[in-house]
N, C-alpha and C. Protein backbone atom coordinates (compact mmCIF):
# COMPACT_ATOMS: atom_id res chain seq x y z
N MET A 1 -124.04 68.56 -1.19
CA MET A 1 -123.26 68.78 0.02
C MET A 1 -122.55 67.49 0.38
N ALA A 2 -121.33 67.60 0.89
CA ALA A 2 -120.53 66.42 1.20
C ALA A 2 -121.13 65.70 2.40
N GLU A 3 -120.99 64.42 2.36
CA GLU A 3 -121.53 63.59 3.45
C GLU A 3 -120.58 63.67 4.65
N VAL A 4 -121.14 63.80 5.84
CA VAL A 4 -120.34 63.87 7.06
C VAL A 4 -120.14 62.44 7.54
N THR A 5 -118.88 62.03 7.52
CA THR A 5 -118.58 60.66 7.94
C THR A 5 -117.98 60.67 9.34
N GLN A 6 -117.90 59.50 9.91
CA GLN A 6 -117.31 59.38 11.24
C GLN A 6 -115.83 59.75 11.22
N GLU A 7 -115.14 59.41 10.12
CA GLU A 7 -113.72 59.76 10.02
C GLU A 7 -113.54 61.28 9.99
N PHE A 8 -114.42 61.97 9.25
CA PHE A 8 -114.36 63.43 9.20
C PHE A 8 -114.58 64.02 10.59
N MET A 9 -115.58 63.55 11.29
CA MET A 9 -115.88 64.04 12.64
C MET A 9 -114.71 63.75 13.59
N PHE A 10 -114.12 62.55 13.45
CA PHE A 10 -113.00 62.18 14.30
C PHE A 10 -111.83 63.14 14.07
N GLU A 11 -111.50 63.42 12.82
CA GLU A 11 -110.41 64.35 12.50
C GLU A 11 -110.73 65.76 12.98
N PHE A 12 -112.00 66.16 12.81
CA PHE A 12 -112.43 67.46 13.25
C PHE A 12 -112.26 67.62 14.76
N PHE A 13 -112.68 66.63 15.51
CA PHE A 13 -112.55 66.69 16.98
C PHE A 13 -111.10 66.59 17.42
N LYS A 14 -110.28 65.86 16.67
CA LYS A 14 -108.86 65.80 16.99
C LYS A 14 -108.21 67.17 16.83
N ARG A 15 -108.59 67.90 15.77
CA ARG A 15 -108.07 69.25 15.57
C ARG A 15 -108.53 70.19 16.68
N ILE A 16 -109.77 70.08 17.05
CA ILE A 16 -110.29 70.92 18.15
C ILE A 16 -109.54 70.61 19.44
N GLN A 17 -109.32 69.33 19.70
CA GLN A 17 -108.60 68.93 20.91
C GLN A 17 -107.17 69.48 20.89
N ALA A 18 -106.51 69.45 19.74
CA ALA A 18 -105.15 69.99 19.61
C ALA A 18 -105.15 71.50 19.85
N GLU A 19 -106.14 72.20 19.31
CA GLU A 19 -106.25 73.65 19.52
C GLU A 19 -106.45 73.96 21.00
N ILE A 20 -107.32 73.23 21.66
CA ILE A 20 -107.59 73.46 23.08
C ILE A 20 -106.34 73.16 23.90
N SER A 21 -105.61 72.12 23.53
CA SER A 21 -104.37 71.80 24.23
C SER A 21 -103.36 72.94 24.09
N GLY A 22 -103.26 73.50 22.88
CA GLY A 22 -102.37 74.64 22.66
C GLY A 22 -102.79 75.85 23.48
N LEU A 23 -104.10 76.10 23.56
CA LEU A 23 -104.60 77.22 24.36
C LEU A 23 -104.28 77.02 25.84
N LYS A 24 -104.43 75.80 26.31
CA LYS A 24 -104.12 75.52 27.72
C LYS A 24 -102.64 75.74 28.00
N HIS A 25 -101.80 75.32 27.05
CA HIS A 25 -100.35 75.51 27.22
C HIS A 25 -100.02 77.00 27.27
N THR A 26 -100.62 77.77 26.36
CA THR A 26 -100.40 79.22 26.34
C THR A 26 -100.91 79.87 27.62
N GLN A 27 -102.07 79.41 28.09
CA GLN A 27 -102.63 79.95 29.33
C GLN A 27 -101.70 79.66 30.50
N ASN A 28 -101.12 78.47 30.56
CA ASN A 28 -100.18 78.14 31.64
C ASN A 28 -98.94 79.02 31.58
N GLU A 29 -98.44 79.28 30.36
CA GLU A 29 -97.27 80.16 30.21
C GLU A 29 -97.61 81.57 30.69
N MET A 30 -98.77 82.06 30.31
CA MET A 30 -99.17 83.41 30.73
C MET A 30 -99.35 83.49 32.24
N ARG A 31 -99.91 82.45 32.83
CA ARG A 31 -100.08 82.42 34.28
C ARG A 31 -98.72 82.45 34.97
N SER A 32 -97.76 81.71 34.42
CA SER A 32 -96.41 81.70 34.98
C SER A 32 -95.76 83.08 34.86
N GLU A 33 -95.93 83.72 33.72
CA GLU A 33 -95.36 85.06 33.53
C GLU A 33 -96.02 86.07 34.47
N LEU A 34 -97.33 85.97 34.67
CA LEU A 34 -98.03 86.87 35.59
C LEU A 34 -97.54 86.67 37.03
N ASN A 35 -97.31 85.43 37.41
CA ASN A 35 -96.79 85.17 38.75
C ASN A 35 -95.39 85.76 38.91
N SER A 36 -94.58 85.66 37.87
CA SER A 36 -93.25 86.27 37.91
C SER A 36 -93.35 87.79 38.04
N MET A 37 -94.25 88.37 37.28
CA MET A 37 -94.43 89.82 37.35
C MET A 37 -94.94 90.23 38.73
N ARG A 38 -95.81 89.44 39.30
CA ARG A 38 -96.31 89.74 40.65
C ARG A 38 -95.17 89.72 41.65
N GLY A 39 -94.29 88.73 41.53
CA GLY A 39 -93.13 88.66 42.42
C GLY A 39 -92.22 89.86 42.26
N ILE A 40 -92.02 90.29 41.01
CA ILE A 40 -91.17 91.46 40.76
C ILE A 40 -91.80 92.70 41.37
N LEU A 41 -93.12 92.86 41.21
CA LEU A 41 -93.80 94.02 41.78
C LEU A 41 -93.71 94.03 43.30
N VAL A 42 -93.81 92.88 43.92
CA VAL A 42 -93.66 92.80 45.37
C VAL A 42 -92.25 93.24 45.77
N SER A 43 -91.25 92.79 45.02
CA SER A 43 -89.86 93.18 45.31
C SER A 43 -89.67 94.69 45.14
N VAL A 44 -90.23 95.24 44.08
CA VAL A 44 -90.12 96.69 43.85
C VAL A 44 -90.80 97.45 44.99
N ASN A 45 -91.96 96.95 45.43
CA ASN A 45 -92.67 97.59 46.53
C ASN A 45 -91.83 97.57 47.81
N HIS A 46 -91.17 96.45 48.08
CA HIS A 46 -90.29 96.37 49.26
C HIS A 46 -89.11 97.34 49.12
N ASP A 47 -88.54 97.41 47.93
CA ASP A 47 -87.42 98.32 47.70
C ASP A 47 -87.84 99.78 47.93
N ILE A 48 -89.00 100.14 47.42
CA ILE A 48 -89.49 101.51 47.62
C ILE A 48 -89.73 101.78 49.10
N HIS A 49 -90.29 100.81 49.80
CA HIS A 49 -90.50 100.97 51.24
C HIS A 49 -89.17 101.18 51.96
N ASN A 50 -88.16 100.41 51.59
CA ASN A 50 -86.84 100.56 52.20
C ASN A 50 -86.25 101.94 51.90
N ILE A 51 -86.44 102.41 50.67
CA ILE A 51 -85.94 103.74 50.31
C ILE A 51 -86.61 104.81 51.15
N TYR A 52 -87.93 104.70 51.32
CA TYR A 52 -88.64 105.67 52.15
C TYR A 52 -88.15 105.63 53.60
N SER A 53 -87.85 104.44 54.10
CA SER A 53 -87.33 104.33 55.46
C SER A 53 -85.98 105.03 55.60
N VAL A 54 -85.11 104.82 54.63
CA VAL A 54 -83.79 105.47 54.65
C VAL A 54 -83.95 106.98 54.55
N LEU A 55 -84.83 107.43 53.65
CA LEU A 55 -85.05 108.87 53.50
C LEU A 55 -85.61 109.47 54.79
N ASP A 56 -86.48 108.75 55.46
CA ASP A 56 -87.03 109.25 56.72
C ASP A 56 -85.93 109.38 57.78
N ARG A 57 -85.04 108.38 57.85
CA ARG A 57 -83.93 108.46 58.80
C ARG A 57 -83.03 109.64 58.48
N HIS A 58 -82.74 109.85 57.20
CA HIS A 58 -81.90 110.99 56.80
C HIS A 58 -82.60 112.30 57.13
N ASP A 59 -83.90 112.35 56.91
CA ASP A 59 -84.65 113.57 57.22
C ASP A 59 -84.60 113.88 58.71
N GLN A 60 -84.76 112.86 59.54
CA GLN A 60 -84.68 113.06 60.99
C GLN A 60 -83.29 113.52 61.41
N ARG A 61 -82.29 112.90 60.81
CA ARG A 61 -80.91 113.26 61.14
C ARG A 61 -80.61 114.69 60.72
N LEU A 62 -81.07 115.06 59.52
CA LEU A 62 -80.86 116.43 59.04
C LEU A 62 -81.58 117.43 59.95
N GLU A 63 -82.76 117.07 60.40
CA GLU A 63 -83.49 117.96 61.30
C GLU A 63 -82.73 118.16 62.61
N ARG A 64 -82.16 117.08 63.16
CA ARG A 64 -81.36 117.22 64.39
C ARG A 64 -80.14 118.10 64.14
N ILE A 65 -79.49 117.94 63.01
CA ILE A 65 -78.31 118.77 62.68
C ILE A 65 -78.73 120.23 62.56
N GLU A 66 -79.84 120.47 61.88
CA GLU A 66 -80.31 121.85 61.74
C GLU A 66 -80.62 122.46 63.10
N ASN A 67 -81.24 121.68 63.98
CA ASN A 67 -81.53 122.19 65.33
C ASN A 67 -80.25 122.53 66.08
N ARG A 68 -79.24 121.68 65.96
CA ARG A 68 -77.96 121.96 66.62
C ARG A 68 -77.33 123.23 66.06
N LEU A 69 -77.38 123.38 64.75
CA LEU A 69 -76.79 124.57 64.13
C LEU A 69 -77.52 125.83 64.58
N GLU A 70 -78.82 125.78 64.69
CA GLU A 70 -79.57 126.94 65.14
C GLU A 70 -79.21 127.29 66.58
N LEU A 71 -79.06 126.27 67.43
CA LEU A 71 -78.67 126.53 68.81
C LEU A 71 -77.28 127.15 68.86
N ARG A 72 -76.38 126.65 68.02
CA ARG A 72 -75.01 127.17 67.99
C ARG A 72 -75.00 128.62 67.48
N GLU A 73 -75.79 128.86 66.43
CA GLU A 73 -75.87 130.22 65.89
C GLU A 73 -76.43 131.18 66.94
N LEU A 74 -77.44 130.72 67.69
CA LEU A 74 -78.00 131.56 68.75
C LEU A 74 -76.96 131.83 69.83
N ALA A 75 -76.19 130.82 70.20
CA ALA A 75 -75.17 131.00 71.23
C ALA A 75 -74.08 131.95 70.74
N GLU A 76 -73.68 131.82 69.47
CA GLU A 76 -72.66 132.71 68.92
C GLU A 76 -73.17 134.15 68.86
N ALA A 77 -74.44 134.31 68.49
CA ALA A 77 -75.01 135.65 68.43
C ALA A 77 -75.11 136.25 69.83
N GLN A 78 -75.44 135.46 70.82
CA GLN A 78 -75.55 135.93 72.20
C GLN A 78 -74.17 136.28 72.75
N ALA A 79 -73.15 135.55 72.37
CA ALA A 79 -71.79 135.78 72.87
C ALA A 79 -71.27 137.15 72.46
N ARG A 80 -71.74 137.68 71.37
CA ARG A 80 -71.28 139.00 70.93
C ARG A 80 -71.71 140.10 71.90
N PHE A 81 -72.80 139.87 72.59
CA PHE A 81 -73.31 140.90 73.48
C PHE A 81 -72.87 140.73 74.92
N GLU A 82 -72.26 139.61 75.20
CA GLU A 82 -71.79 139.37 76.57
C GLU A 82 -70.39 139.95 76.74
N PRO A 83 -70.13 140.52 77.92
CA PRO A 83 -68.79 141.09 78.16
C PRO A 83 -67.73 139.99 78.20
N HIS A 84 -66.57 140.30 77.63
CA HIS A 84 -65.46 139.33 77.64
C HIS A 84 -64.67 139.50 78.92
N PRO A 85 -64.17 138.46 79.51
CA PRO A 85 -63.42 138.57 80.77
C PRO A 85 -62.04 139.15 80.62
């Protein structure tokens, strides 16, 4: 079996240190990408909330219009039975 020298151990630990440094760099990149994705998801959530708000306003407006039309239809139907002057 080959003898383990200090130079061999030094090179071995240098390689391990380089691998760990690369892993840390990759981990930092992934953390940055996750933070970007989190920001995008927050923006999408706000956009969806705004869309629901607009849809709710349109729904309320449509309901008011429908109520007015029903009142008008009722008045027109009632006018048919009232004597004309």
